[in-house]
C-alpha atoms as a PDB file:
ATOM      1  CA  MET A   1      10.368  -1.475 -14.492  1.00  0.00           C
ATOM      2  CA  ALA A   2      11.033  -3.618 -11.450  1.00  0.00           C
ATOM      3  CA  ILE A   3       9.631  -2.233  -8.232  1.00  0.00           C
ATOM      4  CA  GLN A   4      12.231  -1.391  -5.600  1.00  0.00           C
ATOM      5  CA  LYS A   5      10.981   1.392  -3.285  1.00  0.00           C
ATOM      6  CA  ILE A   6       7.853   0.555  -1.309  1.00  0.00           C
ATOM      7  CA  LEU A   7       5.893   2.692   1.150  1.00  0.00           C
ATOM      8  CA  ILE A   8       3.905   0.846   3.825  1.00  0.00           C
ATOM      9  CA  VAL A   9       0.986   2.819   5.279  1.00  0.00           C
ATOM     10  CA  ASP A  10      -0.465   1.183   8.402  1.00  0.00           C
ATOM     11  CA  ASP A  11      -1.287   2.427  11.901  1.00  0.00           C
ATOM     12  CA  SER A  12      -0.268  -0.915  13.457  1.00  0.00           C
ATOM     13  CA  PRO A  13       3.428  -1.107  14.430  1.00  0.00           C
ATOM     14  CA  THR A  14       3.153  -4.914  14.347  1.00  0.00           C
ATOM     15  CA  GLU A  15       1.792  -4.909  10.803  1.00  0.00           C
ATOM     16  CA  ARG A  16       4.418  -2.394   9.617  1.00  0.00           C
ATOM     17  CA  TYR A  17       7.159  -4.584  11.111  1.00  0.00           C
ATOM     18  CA  TYR A  18       5.699  -7.776   9.589  1.00  0.00           C
ATOM     19  CA  LEU A  19       5.442  -6.308   6.072  1.00  0.00           C
ATOM     20  CA  THR A  20       8.806  -4.505   6.303  1.00  0.00           C
ATOM     21  CA  ASP A  21      10.507  -7.747   7.357  1.00  0.00           C
ATOM     22  CA  ILE A  22       9.079  -9.677   4.379  1.00  0.00           C
ATOM     23  CA  LEU A  23      10.028  -6.960   1.905  1.00  0.00           C
ATOM     24  CA  VAL A  24      13.520  -6.142   3.200  1.00  0.00           C
ATOM     25  CA  ARG A  25      14.424  -9.851   3.256  1.00  0.00           C
ATOM     26  CA  ASN A  26      13.461  -9.925  -0.411  1.00  0.00           C
ATOM     27  CA  GLY A  27      15.620  -6.960  -1.393  1.00  0.00           C
ATOM     28  CA  PHE A  28      13.123  -4.093  -1.346  1.00  0.00           C
ATOM     29  CA  THR A  29      13.745  -0.634   0.109  1.00  0.00           C
ATOM     30  CA  VAL A  30      10.964   0.209   2.560  1.00  0.00           C
ATOM     31  CA  THR A  31       9.679   3.388   4.175  1.00  0.00           C
ATOM     32  CA  THR A  32       6.654   3.536   6.450  1.00  0.00           C
ATOM     33  CA  ALA A  33       3.908   5.926   7.476  1.00  0.00           C
ATOM     34  CA  ASP A  34       1.442   5.332  10.293  1.00  0.00           C
ATOM     35  CA  ASN A  35      -1.463   7.350   8.885  1.00  0.00           C
ATOM     36  CA  GLY A  36      -2.800   8.782   5.654  1.00  0.00           C
ATOM     37  CA  GLU A  37      -1.591  12.337   6.215  1.00  0.00           C
ATOM     38  CA  GLU A  38       1.959  11.163   6.917  1.00  0.00           C
ATOM     39  CA  ALA A  39       1.771   8.931   3.837  1.00  0.00           C
ATOM     40  CA  LEU A  40       0.864  11.858   1.571  1.00  0.00           C
ATOM     41  CA  ALA A  41       3.771  13.892   2.962  1.00  0.00           C
ATOM     42  CA  ARG A  42       6.200  10.978   2.479  1.00  0.00           C
ATOM     43  CA  ILE A  43       5.031  10.387  -1.085  1.00  0.00           C
ATOM     44  CA  LYS A  44       5.673  14.023  -2.008  1.00  0.00           C
ATOM     45  CA  GLU A  45       9.175  13.932  -0.411  1.00  0.00           C
ATOM     46  CA  ASP A  46      10.311  10.681  -1.979  1.00  0.00           C
ATOM     47  CA  LYS A  47       7.960   9.079  -4.481  1.00  0.00           C
ATOM     48  CA  PRO A  48       7.719   5.314  -3.943  1.00  0.00           C
ATOM     49  CA  GLU A  49       7.273   2.781  -6.749  1.00  0.00           C
ATOM     50  CA  LEU A  50       4.523   0.943  -4.838  1.00  0.00           C
ATOM     51  CA  ILE A  51       2.309   1.666  -1.823  1.00  0.00           C
ATOM     52  CA  LEU A  52       0.880  -0.948   0.542  1.00  0.00           C
ATOM     53  CA  MET A  53      -2.152   0.738   2.105  1.00  0.00           C
ATOM     54  CA  ASP A  54      -4.123  -0.194   5.211  1.00  0.00           C
ATOM     55  CA  VAL A  55      -7.783   0.855   5.269  1.00  0.00           C
ATOM     56  CA  VAL A  56      -8.724   1.343   8.921  1.00  0.00           C
ATOM     57  CA  MET A  57      -6.540   4.163  10.293  1.00  0.00           C
ATOM     58  CA  PRO A  58      -7.097   7.292  12.378  1.00  0.00           C
ATOM     59  CA  GLY A  59      -7.769  10.418  10.308  1.00  0.00           C
ATOM     60  CA  ALA A  60      -8.133   9.770   6.595  1.00  0.00           C
ATOM     61  CA  ASN A  61      -8.803   6.086   5.920  1.00  0.00           C
ATOM     62  CA  GLY A  62      -6.978   4.067   3.296  1.00  0.00           C
ATOM     63  CA  PHE A  63      -9.800   4.373   0.767  1.00  0.00           C
ATOM     64  CA  GLN A  64      -9.663   8.188   1.025  1.00  0.00           C
ATOM     65  CA  VAL A  65      -5.864   8.309   0.748  1.00  0.00           C
ATOM     66  CA  THR A  66      -5.899   5.873  -2.186  1.00  0.00           C
ATOM     67  CA  ARG A  67      -8.456   8.072  -3.973  1.00  0.00           C
ATOM     68  CA  ALA A  68      -6.357  11.211  -3.310  1.00  0.00           C
ATOM     69  CA  ILE A  69      -3.237   9.545  -4.747  1.00  0.00           C
ATOM     70  CA  ALA A  70      -5.069   8.095  -7.765  1.00  0.00           C
ATOM     71  CA  ARG A  71      -6.527  11.515  -8.623  1.00  0.00           C
ATOM     72  CA  ASP A  72      -3.200  13.386  -8.324  1.00  0.00           C
ATOM     73  CA  PRO A  73      -1.628  13.574 -11.810  1.00  0.00           C
ATOM     74  CA  GLU A  74       1.893  13.464 -10.317  1.00  0.00           C
ATOM     75  CA  LEU A  75       1.159  10.368  -8.233  1.00  0.00           C
ATOM     76  CA  ALA A  76      -1.452   8.463 -10.251  1.00  0.00           C
ATOM     77  CA  ASP A  77       1.210   6.194 -11.774  1.00  0.00           C
ATOM     78  CA  VAL A  78       2.191   4.791  -8.347  1.00  0.00           C
ATOM     79  CA  PRO A  79       0.412   1.443  -7.902  1.00  0.00           C
ATOM     80  CA  ILE A  80      -1.373   0.820  -4.606  1.00  0.00           C
ATOM     81  CA  ILE A  81      -2.102  -2.552  -3.060  1.00  0.00           C
ATOM     82  CA  ILE A  82      -4.607  -2.322  -0.228  1.00  0.00           C
ATOM     83  CA  CYS A  83      -3.747  -4.657   2.655  1.00  0.00           C
ATOM     84  CA  SER A  84      -6.734  -4.733   4.979  1.00  0.00           C
ATOM     85  CA  SER A  85      -8.473  -6.848   7.571  1.00  0.00           C
ATOM     86  CA  LYS A  86     -11.737  -5.828   5.858  1.00  0.00           C
ATOM     87  CA  ASN A  87     -12.431  -9.063   3.994  1.00  0.00           C
ATOM     88  CA  GLN A  88     -15.796  -8.452   2.359  1.00  0.00           C
ATOM     89  CA  GLU A  89     -16.055  -8.527  -1.427  1.00  0.00           C
ATOM     90  CA  THR A  90     -17.702  -5.083  -1.305  1.00  0.00           C
ATOM     91  CA  ASP A  91     -14.585  -3.694   0.452  1.00  0.00           C
ATOM     92  CA  ARG A  92     -12.340  -5.166  -2.245  1.00  0.00           C
ATOM     93  CA  ILE A  93     -14.476  -3.741  -5.042  1.00  0.00           C
ATOM     94  CA  TRP A  94     -14.629  -0.331  -3.350  1.00  0.00           C
ATOM     95  CA  GLY A  95     -10.852  -0.308  -2.870  1.00  0.00           C
ATOM     96  CA  LEU A  96     -10.267  -1.073  -6.534  1.00  0.00           C
ATOM     97  CA  ARG A  97     -12.770   1.629  -7.517  1.00  0.00           C
ATOM     98  CA  GLN A  98     -10.782   4.155  -5.466  1.00  0.00           C
ATOM     99  CA  GLY A  99      -7.744   3.437  -7.626  1.00  0.00           C
ATOM    100  CA  ALA A 100      -5.991   0.492  -5.950  1.00  0.00           C
ATOM    101  CA  ARG A 101      -4.435  -2.029  -8.321  1.00  0.00           C
ATOM    102  CA  ASP A 102      -4.926  -4.953  -5.954  1.00  0.00           C
ATOM    103  CA  TYR A 103      -6.475  -5.883  -2.614  1.00  0.00           C
ATOM    104  CA  LEU A 104      -5.022  -8.372  -0.116  1.00  0.00           C
ATOM    105  CA  VAL A 105      -6.676  -9.475   3.120  1.00  0.00           C
ATOM    106  CA  LYS A 106      -4.645  -9.572   6.344  1.00  0.00           C
ATOM    107  CA  PRO A 107      -2.807 -11.467   7.530  1.00  0.00           C
ATOM    108  CA  VAL A 108      -1.035 -11.042   4.206  1.00  0.00           C
ATOM    109  CA  ASP A 109       0.535 -14.211   2.839  1.00  0.00           C
ATOM    110  CA  PRO A 110       4.207 -13.421   2.040  1.00  0.00           C
ATOM    111  CA  ALA A 111       4.302 -15.517  -1.156  1.00  0.00           C
ATOM    112  CA  GLN A 112       1.071 -13.952  -2.416  1.00  0.00           C
ATOM    113  CA  LEU A 113       2.343 -10.430  -1.631  1.00  0.00           C
ATOM    114  CA  LEU A 114       5.629 -11.009  -3.463  1.00  0.00           C
ATOM    115  CA  ALA A 115       3.793 -12.507  -6.452  1.00  0.00           C
ATOM    116  CA  ARG A 116       1.464  -9.483  -6.667  1.00  0.00           C
ATOM    117  CA  ILE A 117       4.422  -7.074  -6.455  1.00  0.00           C
ATOM    118  CA  ALA A 118       6.233  -9.026  -9.196  1.00  0.00           C
ATOM    119  CA  SER A 119       3.160  -8.897 -11.446  1.00  0.00           C
ATOM    120  CA  LEU A 120       2.896  -5.105 -11.031  1.00  0.00           C
ATOM    121  CA  GLY A 121       6.595  -4.626 -11.838  1.00  0.00           C
ATOM    122  CA  ALA A 122       6.471  -6.845 -14.913  1.00  0.00           C
END
């Protein structure tokens, strides 16, 4: 199933704009949330086919929100790609252990992002 609806979760308006611009120009439908709590509410209202998750946010961080989604039987099938400025290998491993399918370091390379999305939708 090709991925079409993507939720971007990031507290940075600049980052949300940057990712939205890449995705919309490539034909995706995008919604955004600026924190973990808002993301969980959005997911319940309109389930996305992919989530791009920041890690460092006020309130629940991206690792916590990813874990909550991965453990929810109704949401566990939604793939999550963590997009974070945290670039240590331990962060990447921890993110994947929380249930993320992939981990990209910011600034996210548009070609790499689109390739990862394509591989998840294949």
